[in-house]
Amino acid sequence: MSELKEKLREVQEQNGQLQQQLGKQQQLIEVLTEKVSALEQADKQRAGEYQSLKSGIGGQTAPATAETKKPFAIGKAIISAEGGLAFFHSERKGKFPNAESRVDEAKLFLDAPIWDDVYFFAELNLTRRESPSENVKVGELYLDFENVSRLWNQDRMLNVRVGRFDTPFGEEYLVRDAIDNPLIAHSLSDLWAVDEGIGFYGRIGKVDYAVAVQNGGDDTLHDFDADKAVAGRVGCEPKEWLRVSASAMRTGDLNQDDDFVSAMWIGNGFFRALGDPATTETFHAELFEGDVQLRFPRGHFKAAGGYAHFDDDDSAADNERDIYFYYVEGLYEFTRRFYGAARFSQMLVQDGYPLVGLGDFGKYFFQEQTENLWLLTVGGGYRWSRDLILKAEYNFQGGEEVGGGSRDHENMFAVELAFRF
């Protein structure tokens, strides 16, 4: 009996030692877990700061982030790509009456550090929906001088971008690419431009800004008028769920013969002179827009409205136009992967202007002018991941031409598989 008691005592002592060891191991695990969580949070914070900085003025966020798990790199340069494979079928007066399958978008990106806080970024458009041909064209190509304001101990107050980059007007262009756009079509106004010049952007507290001075014309190699385009946006996020911004722009005087069209895209076309080339030398436009975004746990609501004043110097006619535009957009996530979205947009122009919308480009940009055009897009998507999304939608479009003709039979169905890597 005494031997049994002794063995029981030894077992109890061993159990006590084991419990102490387990307790120490648990403490060690908790300490390591806290350290790992802190490191992960720091990485996410750095990634978020980098994302915010890189996308401060342009639409394309550079790919070199902590969220990119396995970037394809050559030395210090990081290469990435994105695009969309789509099917479009419009009614007989629309842009795709023959039920077309096409590569809707294909882009390559190169991002590389140059020196200290100076970075090089280049975008190569292999194809895009707006291209009239299959020719490869340069998109954005610039040098970013980041955090210049560190020179006076102010973090991220001033950054400078030089080269060819997105014009900072409005908010829609920031999510215009296939992988970022929850729908396939864009709003009717769809204001965006890529142009050469210099830009300044940064953040002061909850307020961010972006300003750019650019050529203004669509030609990549030359500027045919010394008057420059100036654009700027000021935004504020007073709450995590709320963002508001205001934008303004002037295209500057553009040459009728050589520029022909503006760099700024509007109404699925461009600004162009209305006067006869024999009596018209220059044209210009001034634009204003306000944006609001509400972000919810399972979706968002966006709205924007604005005004563009257009005129040319036609000596034979008064071609002054006031163009009003707006859109509202809502998105709701039914599950973590499946969502639905809708957008309504409209453009109104007394006396008319070349507004293409979903119609035939040749007809509505060069021949007919439109006074009233509206577009309702209803669709949804399925996210296999943040880098692969399947989308489908139906577009209802209607309006009135100058003279009373109707914009009908332009409705369109579309499906798209958007991707990036």
Protein backbone atom coordinates (compact mmCIF):
# COMPACT_ATOMS: atom_id res chain seq x y z
CA MET A 1 0.00 0.00 0.00
CA SER A 2 2.83 2.44 0.84
CA GLU A 3 4.47 1.72 -2.55
CA LEU A 4 1.21 2.49 -4.35
CA LYS A 5 0.89 5.81 -2.48
CA GLU A 6 4.47 6.68 -3.41
CA LYS A 7 3.81 5.98 -7.10
CA LEU A 8 0.64 8.08 -7.01
CA ARG A 9 2.60 10.96 -5.47
CA GLU A 10 5.24 10.69 -8.21
CA VAL A 11 2.56 10.72 -10.90
CA GLN A 12 0.98 13.81 -9.34
CA GLU A 13 4.35 15.59 -9.27
CA GLN A 14 4.95 14.71 -12.94
CA ASN A 15 1.50 15.98 -13.89
CA GLY A 16 2.20 19.23 -12.06
CA GLN A 17 5.48 19.69 -13.95
CA LEU A 18 3.75 18.97 -17.25
CA GLN A 19 1.05 21.53 -16.49
CA GLN A 20 3.70 24.14 -15.71
CA GLN A 21 5.45 23.39 -19.02
CA LEU A 22 2.15 23.61 -20.90
CA GLY A 23 1.42 26.93 -19.23
CA LYS A 24 4.80 28.32 -20.27
CA GLN A 25 4.29 27.05 -23.82
CA GLN A 26 0.84 28.67 -23.97
CA GLN A 27 2.31 32.00 -22.81
CA LEU A 28 4.99 31.72 -25.48
CA ILE A 29 2.37 30.96 -28.16
CA GLU A 30 0.33 34.00 -27.11
CA VAL A 31 3.38 36.27 -27.25
CA LEU A 32 4.35 34.97 -30.71
CA THR A 33 0.75 35.35 -31.93
CA GLU A 34 0.67 38.97 -30.79
CA LYS A 35 3.97 39.66 -32.58
CA VAL A 36 2.78 38.03 -35.82
CA SER A 37 -0.49 39.99 -35.68
CA ALA A 38 1.42 43.21 -35.15
CA LEU A 39 3.67 42.48 -38.12
CA GLU A 40 0.69 41.62 -40.34
CA GLN A 41 -1.09 44.81 -39.30
CA ALA A 42 2.02 46.85 -40.06
CA ASP A 43 2.30 45.23 -43.49
CA LYS A 44 -1.36 45.97 -44.23
CA GLN A 45 -0.92 49.56 -43.11
CA ARG A 46 2.15 50.03 -45.31
CA ALA A 47 0.31 48.43 -48.22
CA GLY A 48 -2.68 50.71 -47.72
CA GLU A 49 -0.47 53.79 -47.55
CA TYR A 50 1.32 52.71 -50.71
CA GLN A 51 -1.95 52.01 -52.54
CA SER A 52 -3.36 55.38 -51.53
CA LEU A 53 -0.19 57.15 -52.58
CA LYS A 54 0.14 55.42 -55.95
CA SER A 55 -3.51 55.98 -56.92
CA GLY A 56 -3.67 59.56 -55.68
CA ILE A 57 -3.90 61.14 -59.12
CA GLY A 58 -4.35 58.36 -61.65
CA GLY A 59 -6.74 55.51 -62.20
CA GLN A 60 -4.29 52.62 -62.27
CA THR A 61 -2.88 51.55 -58.94
CA ALA A 62 0.66 50.32 -59.33
CA PRO A 63 0.98 46.59 -58.67
CA ALA A 64 3.87 46.62 -56.20
CA THR A 65 2.01 46.16 -52.92
CA ALA A 66 2.25 43.91 -49.92
CA GLU A 67 -1.04 42.31 -51.04
CA THR A 68 0.65 41.00 -54.19
CA LYS A 69 1.77 37.66 -52.82
CA LYS A 70 3.90 36.43 -55.72
CA PRO A 71 4.62 39.29 -58.14
CA PHE A 72 6.42 38.53 -61.38
CA ALA A 73 9.64 40.51 -61.17
CA ILE A 74 12.69 41.12 -63.30
CA GLY A 75 15.28 42.56 -60.97
CA LYS A 76 13.52 45.39 -59.16
CA ALA A 77 10.85 45.78 -61.83
CA ILE A 78 7.41 44.26 -61.19
CA ILE A 79 5.26 43.20 -64.15
CA SER A 80 1.52 42.67 -63.95
CA ALA A 81 -1.48 42.56 -66.27
CA GLU A 82 -5.25 42.81 -66.35
CA GLY A 83 -8.02 42.56 -68.87
CA GLY A 84 -11.47 41.42 -69.82
CA LEU A 85 -12.88 38.80 -72.21
CA ALA A 86 -16.38 39.73 -73.24
CA PHE A 87 -19.47 39.04 -75.33
CA PHE A 88 -21.64 41.93 -76.54
CA HIS A 89 -24.99 41.79 -78.36
CA SER A 90 -26.83 45.02 -79.03
CA GLU A 91 -30.00 45.77 -80.95
CA ARG A 92 -29.71 46.69 -84.62
CA LYS A 93 -28.83 50.38 -84.08
CA GLY A 94 -26.30 49.66 -81.32
CA LYS A 95 -22.54 49.25 -81.47
CA PHE A 96 -22.54 45.42 -81.48
CA PRO A 97 -25.51 44.23 -83.61
CA ASN A 98 -23.69 41.05 -84.70
CA ALA A 99 -23.31 39.39 -81.28
CA GLU A 100 -19.54 39.78 -80.93
CA SER A 101 -17.07 37.93 -78.75
CA ARG A 102 -13.97 40.04 -78.22
CA VAL A 103 -10.98 40.84 -76.06
CA ASP A 104 -12.54 43.84 -74.39
CA GLU A 105 -9.43 44.97 -72.53
CA ALA A 106 -5.81 43.83 -72.22
CA LYS A 107 -3.13 45.81 -70.39
CA LEU A 108 0.43 45.22 -69.24
CA PHE A 109 2.03 47.19 -66.39
CA LEU A 110 5.63 47.77 -65.38
CA ASP A 111 6.50 49.33 -62.03
CA ALA A 112 10.09 49.89 -60.90
CA PRO A 113 11.96 51.93 -58.28
CA ILE A 114 14.45 54.39 -59.76
CA TRP A 115 16.07 56.07 -56.78
CA ASP A 116 15.00 56.61 -53.20
CA ASP A 117 11.30 57.67 -53.43
CA VAL A 118 11.29 57.98 -57.23
CA TYR A 119 9.36 55.33 -59.18
CA PHE A 120 8.73 54.56 -62.85
CA PHE A 121 5.35 53.29 -64.04
CA ALA A 122 4.29 52.27 -67.55
CA GLU A 123 1.02 50.96 -68.97
CA LEU A 124 0.79 49.26 -72.36
CA ASN A 125 -2.70 48.96 -73.87
CA LEU A 126 -2.71 45.85 -76.04
CA THR A 127 -6.37 46.54 -76.77
CA ARG A 128 -9.31 48.33 -75.21
CA ARG A 129 -12.99 48.78 -76.00
CA GLU A 130 -12.58 52.33 -77.27
CA SER A 131 -9.74 51.52 -79.70
CA PRO A 132 -10.73 51.72 -83.39
CA SER A 133 -7.93 49.26 -84.32
CA GLU A 134 -5.79 46.49 -82.86
CA ASN A 135 -2.70 48.69 -82.66
CA VAL A 136 -0.82 48.61 -79.36
CA LYS A 137 -0.74 52.02 -77.65
CA VAL A 138 0.97 53.48 -74.63
CA GLY A 139 -1.31 54.28 -71.73
CA GLU A 140 0.10 55.89 -68.61
CA LEU A 141 3.88 56.37 -68.50
CA TYR A 142 5.35 58.55 -65.79
CA LEU A 143 7.88 59.16 -63.06
CA ASP A 144 6.50 59.51 -59.53
CA PHE A 145 8.42 61.66 -57.05
CA GLU A 146 6.78 60.44 -53.88
CA ASN A 147 6.58 62.18 -50.53
CA VAL A 148 8.39 65.34 -51.62
CA SER A 149 6.92 67.00 -48.53
CA ARG A 150 9.31 65.04 -46.33
CA LEU A 151 11.75 67.81 -47.15
CA TRP A 152 9.81 69.95 -44.68
CA ASN A 153 8.78 67.07 -42.38
CA GLN A 154 5.22 66.70 -43.69
CA ASP A 155 4.37 63.11 -44.59
CA ARG A 156 2.58 62.60 -47.94
CA MET A 157 1.42 66.20 -48.20
CA LEU A 158 2.98 66.62 -51.65
CA ASN A 159 3.85 64.13 -54.39
CA VAL A 160 4.77 65.01 -57.97
CA ARG A 161 4.02 63.04 -61.14
CA VAL A 162 5.63 63.82 -64.51
CA GLY A 163 4.82 62.18 -67.84
CA ARG A 164 1.60 60.73 -69.27
CA PHE A 165 -1.11 59.97 -66.71
CA ASP A 166 -4.84 60.03 -65.98
CA THR A 167 -6.46 63.44 -65.69
CA PRO A 168 -7.74 63.91 -62.10
CA PHE A 169 -11.36 64.81 -62.79
CA GLY A 170 -14.29 63.12 -61.05
CA GLU A 171 -14.20 59.69 -59.41
CA GLU A 172 -15.54 57.22 -61.98
CA TYR A 173 -12.27 56.91 -63.91
CA LEU A 174 -10.59 55.50 -60.79
CA VAL A 175 -12.67 52.30 -61.12
CA ARG A 176 -13.08 52.29 -64.89
CA ASP A 177 -10.95 49.22 -65.72
CA ALA A 178 -12.76 45.91 -66.21
CA ILE A 179 -11.48 44.38 -62.96
CA ASP A 180 -12.53 47.44 -60.91
CA ASN A 181 -15.87 48.30 -62.53
CA PRO A 182 -18.72 46.32 -60.88
CA LEU A 183 -20.62 46.55 -64.17
CA ILE A 184 -19.41 46.26 -67.78
CA ALA A 185 -20.77 49.49 -69.28
CA HIS A 186 -19.84 52.88 -67.88
CA SER A 187 -22.01 55.90 -67.17
CA LEU A 188 -23.07 57.98 -70.18
CA SER A 189 -20.77 60.88 -69.29
CA ASP A 190 -17.82 58.52 -68.55
CA LEU A 191 -15.35 61.38 -68.18
CA TRP A 192 -11.72 60.27 -68.40
CA ALA A 193 -8.49 61.22 -70.14
CA VAL A 194 -4.85 60.16 -70.35
CA ASP A 195 -2.59 63.08 -71.21
CA GLU A 196 0.97 64.39 -70.95
CA GLY A 197 1.97 66.94 -68.34
CA ILE A 198 2.79 67.41 -64.66
CA GLY A 199 0.62 66.62 -61.65
CA PHE A 200 0.66 67.28 -57.91
CA TYR A 201 -1.25 65.25 -55.36
CA GLY A 202 -1.29 64.52 -51.64
CA ARG A 203 -3.26 64.39 -48.43
CA ILE A 204 -3.66 66.75 -45.48
CA GLY A 205 -5.55 65.02 -42.68
CA LYS A 206 -8.85 63.78 -44.10
CA VAL A 207 -8.60 65.97 -47.20
CA ASP A 208 -6.89 64.81 -50.39
CA TYR A 209 -6.19 66.71 -53.58
CA ALA A 210 -4.89 66.22 -57.12
CA VAL A 211 -4.02 68.92 -59.68
CA ALA A 212 -2.62 68.51 -63.19
CA VAL A 213 -1.46 70.73 -66.05
CA GLN A 214 -1.57 68.77 -69.33
CA ASN A 215 -1.58 69.29 -73.10
CA GLY A 216 -5.33 68.84 -73.56
CA GLY A 217 -5.36 67.25 -77.03
CA ASP A 218 -5.57 63.59 -77.96
CA ASP A 219 -2.29 63.47 -79.90
CA THR A 220 0.41 61.61 -77.96
CA LEU A 221 3.43 63.19 -79.67
CA HIS A 222 2.54 66.88 -80.13
CA ASP A 223 0.52 69.74 -78.66
CA PHE A 224 -0.89 72.04 -81.32
CA ASP A 225 -1.89 74.94 -79.07
CA ALA A 226 0.09 76.62 -76.30
CA ASP A 227 -2.98 76.93 -74.08
CA LYS A 228 -2.91 74.03 -71.59
CA ALA A 229 -5.55 71.90 -69.91
CA VAL A 230 -5.84 72.34 -66.14
CA ALA A 231 -7.77 69.91 -63.93
CA GLY A 232 -8.14 69.42 -60.21
CA ARG A 233 -10.06 67.48 -57.58
CA VAL A 234 -10.44 68.00 -53.84
CA GLY A 235 -11.89 65.16 -51.76
CA CYS A 236 -12.71 64.55 -48.14
CA GLU A 237 -13.58 61.46 -46.08
CA PRO A 238 -15.11 62.81 -42.85
CA LYS A 239 -16.29 59.28 -41.96
CA GLU A 240 -15.06 55.83 -42.93
CA TRP A 241 -18.32 55.27 -44.81
CA LEU A 242 -18.50 58.66 -46.56
CA ARG A 243 -16.47 60.35 -49.30
CA VAL A 244 -17.27 63.61 -51.10
CA SER A 245 -15.28 65.42 -53.76
CA ALA A 246 -15.47 68.34 -56.18
CA SER A 247 -13.67 68.57 -59.53
CA ALA A 248 -13.07 71.31 -62.09
CA MET A 249 -11.32 71.40 -65.45
CA ARG A 250 -10.65 73.51 -68.52
CA THR A 251 -9.47 71.77 -71.70
CA GLY A 252 -7.72 74.91 -72.92
CA ASP A 253 -7.98 76.00 -76.54
CA LEU A 254 -7.62 73.04 -78.90
CA ASN A 255 -6.74 73.26 -82.57
CA GLN A 256 -9.55 72.27 -84.92
CA ASP A 257 -7.31 70.97 -87.73
CA ASP A 258 -4.47 69.31 -85.81
CA ASP A 259 -5.82 68.36 -82.37
CA PHE A 260 -9.28 67.69 -83.84
CA VAL A 261 -10.52 66.12 -80.57
CA SER A 262 -9.82 66.58 -76.87
CA ALA A 263 -7.97 64.11 -74.68
CA MET A 264 -11.02 64.15 -72.42
CA TRP A 265 -13.56 61.42 -73.24
CA ILE A 266 -17.24 62.30 -72.86
CA GLY A 267 -20.45 60.55 -73.88
CA ASN A 268 -18.47 57.66 -75.40
CA GLY A 269 -16.74 60.17 -77.68
CA PHE A 270 -14.67 63.35 -77.29
CA PHE A 271 -15.10 67.09 -77.27
CA ARG A 272 -14.83 68.31 -80.86
CA ALA A 273 -15.60 71.53 -82.72
CA LEU A 274 -19.10 71.92 -84.16
CA GLY A 275 -18.17 74.63 -86.64
CA ASP A 276 -17.09 74.14 -90.24
CA PRO A 277 -13.29 73.74 -90.52
CA ALA A 278 -13.24 76.60 -93.02
CA THR A 279 -14.58 79.03 -90.40
CA THR A 280 -13.35 77.45 -87.14
CA GLU A 281 -9.83 77.41 -85.66
CA THR A 282 -10.17 76.43 -81.99
CA PHE A 283 -12.63 74.92 -79.50
CA HIS A 284 -12.65 74.46 -75.73
CA ALA A 285 -14.70 73.25 -72.76
CA GLU A 286 -14.93 73.93 -69.02
CA LEU A 287 -16.25 71.21 -66.70
CA PHE A 288 -17.42 70.93 -63.09
CA GLU A 289 -18.51 67.85 -61.13
CA GLY A 290 -19.47 66.84 -57.62
CA ASP A 291 -19.25 63.24 -56.32
CA VAL A 292 -20.53 61.45 -53.22
CA GLN A 293 -19.90 57.87 -52.13
CA LEU A 294 -21.54 55.96 -49.28
CA ARG A 295 -19.85 52.69 -48.31
CA PHE A 296 -21.81 50.02 -46.44
CA PRO A 297 -20.74 46.65 -45.01
CA ARG A 298 -22.39 44.88 -47.96
CA GLY A 299 -22.33 47.41 -50.73
CA HIS A 300 -22.14 51.04 -51.78
CA PHE A 301 -24.08 53.95 -53.21
CA LYS A 302 -22.47 56.47 -55.56
CA ALA A 303 -23.77 59.59 -57.22
CA ALA A 304 -22.23 62.32 -59.34
CA GLY A 305 -23.50 65.31 -61.23
CA GLY A 306 -21.91 67.99 -63.29
CA TYR A 307 -21.92 70.58 -66.03
CA ALA A 308 -19.76 71.24 -69.10
CA HIS A 309 -19.71 74.48 -71.05
CA PHE A 310 -18.54 74.07 -74.66
CA ASP A 311 -17.79 76.62 -77.35
CA ASP A 312 -15.72 77.08 -80.50
CA ASP A 313 -14.68 80.18 -82.45
CA ASP A 314 -16.77 79.48 -85.55
CA SER A 315 -17.21 82.85 -87.28
CA ALA A 316 -20.33 81.67 -89.11
CA ALA A 317 -22.44 80.29 -86.24
CA ASP A 318 -22.96 80.31 -82.48
CA ASN A 319 -22.03 76.81 -81.28
CA GLU A 320 -22.07 77.46 -77.54
CA ARG A 321 -23.50 74.48 -75.60
CA ASP A 322 -24.36 73.71 -71.97
CA ILE A 323 -24.08 69.99 -71.21
CA TYR A 324 -25.60 68.60 -68.00
CA PHE A 325 -24.88 65.07 -66.79
CA TYR A 326 -25.35 62.83 -63.75
CA TYR A 327 -25.40 59.21 -62.62
CA VAL A 328 -26.44 57.18 -59.59
CA GLU A 329 -25.09 53.70 -58.83
CA GLY A 330 -25.87 51.07 -56.21
CA LEU A 331 -24.26 47.74 -55.36
CA TYR A 332 -25.39 45.07 -52.90
CA GLU A 333 -23.48 41.89 -51.96
CA PHE A 334 -25.94 39.03 -51.51
CA THR A 335 -23.06 36.77 -50.42
CA ARG A 336 -19.32 37.17 -50.07
CA ARG A 337 -18.94 36.29 -53.77
CA PHE A 338 -22.22 37.19 -55.48
CA TYR A 339 -23.43 40.78 -55.93
CA GLY A 340 -25.99 42.79 -57.85
CA ALA A 341 -25.58 46.32 -59.19
CA ALA A 342 -27.46 48.99 -61.12
CA ARG A 343 -26.61 52.40 -62.56
CA PHE A 344 -28.75 55.12 -64.12
CA SER A 345 -27.15 58.01 -66.02
CA GLN A 346 -28.36 60.83 -68.25
CA MET A 347 -27.00 63.68 -70.39
CA LEU A 348 -29.00 66.76 -71.42
CA VAL A 349 -27.87 69.31 -74.04
CA GLN A 350 -30.11 72.04 -75.40
CA ASP A 351 -29.55 72.28 -79.19
CA GLY A 352 -27.62 68.99 -79.09
CA TYR A 353 -24.05 67.71 -79.09
CA PRO A 354 -22.29 64.57 -80.44
CA LEU A 355 -23.23 62.00 -77.76
CA VAL A 356 -22.50 58.44 -78.86
CA GLY A 357 -23.57 56.41 -75.84
CA LEU A 358 -24.22 52.81 -76.94
CA GLY A 359 -25.05 53.91 -80.47
CA ASP A 360 -23.05 53.78 -83.70
CA PHE A 361 -19.91 55.92 -83.35
CA GLY A 362 -19.77 57.02 -86.98
CA LYS A 363 -23.36 58.22 -86.94
CA TYR A 364 -23.58 59.91 -83.55
CA PHE A 365 -20.11 61.44 -83.38
CA PHE A 366 -19.89 62.79 -86.94
CA GLN A 367 -23.46 63.14 -88.22
CA GLU A 368 -26.33 63.29 -85.73
CA GLN A 369 -26.48 65.35 -82.52
CA THR A 370 -28.41 64.34 -79.41
CA GLU A 371 -30.34 66.53 -76.96
CA ASN A 372 -31.32 63.95 -74.36
CA LEU A 373 -29.78 60.53 -73.70
CA TRP A 374 -30.36 58.17 -70.77
CA LEU A 375 -28.98 54.75 -69.86
CA LEU A 376 -30.10 52.18 -67.28
CA THR A 377 -27.68 49.31 -66.59
CA VAL A 378 -28.76 46.34 -64.45
CA GLY A 379 -26.45 43.42 -63.75
CA GLY A 380 -24.39 41.46 -61.29
CA GLY A 381 -21.24 39.49 -60.82
CA TYR A 382 -19.60 36.52 -59.17
CA ARG A 383 -16.15 36.93 -57.59
CA TRP A 384 -14.08 33.78 -57.60
CA SER A 385 -11.39 35.99 -56.08
CA ARG A 386 -10.37 39.64 -56.11
CA ASP A 387 -8.49 38.83 -59.33
CA LEU A 388 -11.18 36.91 -61.26
CA ILE A 389 -14.77 38.14 -61.71
CA LEU A 390 -17.61 37.04 -63.98
CA LYS A 391 -20.13 39.79 -64.80
CA ALA A 392 -23.37 39.99 -66.80
CA GLU A 393 -25.73 42.89 -67.46
CA TYR A 394 -28.46 44.36 -69.64
CA ASN A 395 -28.47 48.00 -70.82
CA PHE A 396 -31.62 49.97 -71.64
CA GLN A 397 -30.90 53.18 -73.58
CA GLY A 398 -33.17 55.87 -74.99
CA GLY A 399 -33.23 59.54 -75.92
CA GLU A 400 -33.93 62.21 -78.49
CA GLU A 401 -31.94 63.56 -81.40
CA VAL A 402 -31.94 67.18 -82.52
CA GLY A 403 -35.03 67.55 -84.69
CA GLY A 404 -37.13 65.09 -82.71
CA GLY A 405 -35.80 61.72 -83.84
CA SER A 406 -35.65 59.00 -81.19
CA ARG A 407 -32.60 57.10 -79.93
CA ASP A 408 -34.03 53.60 -79.93
CA HIS A 409 -33.02 50.00 -80.70
CA GLU A 410 -29.64 50.47 -78.97
CA ASN A 411 -30.19 48.21 -75.94
CA MET A 412 -27.32 45.84 -75.22
CA PHE A 413 -26.63 42.57 -73.38
CA ALA A 414 -23.07 41.87 -72.19
CA VAL A 415 -21.06 39.22 -70.34
CA GLU A 416 -17.46 39.66 -69.27
CA LEU A 417 -14.75 37.70 -67.48
CA ALA A 418 -12.40 40.21 -65.86
CA PHE A 419 -8.98 39.19 -64.52
CA ARG A 420 -5.60 40.42 -63.33
CA PHE A 421 -2.33 38.95 -62.17
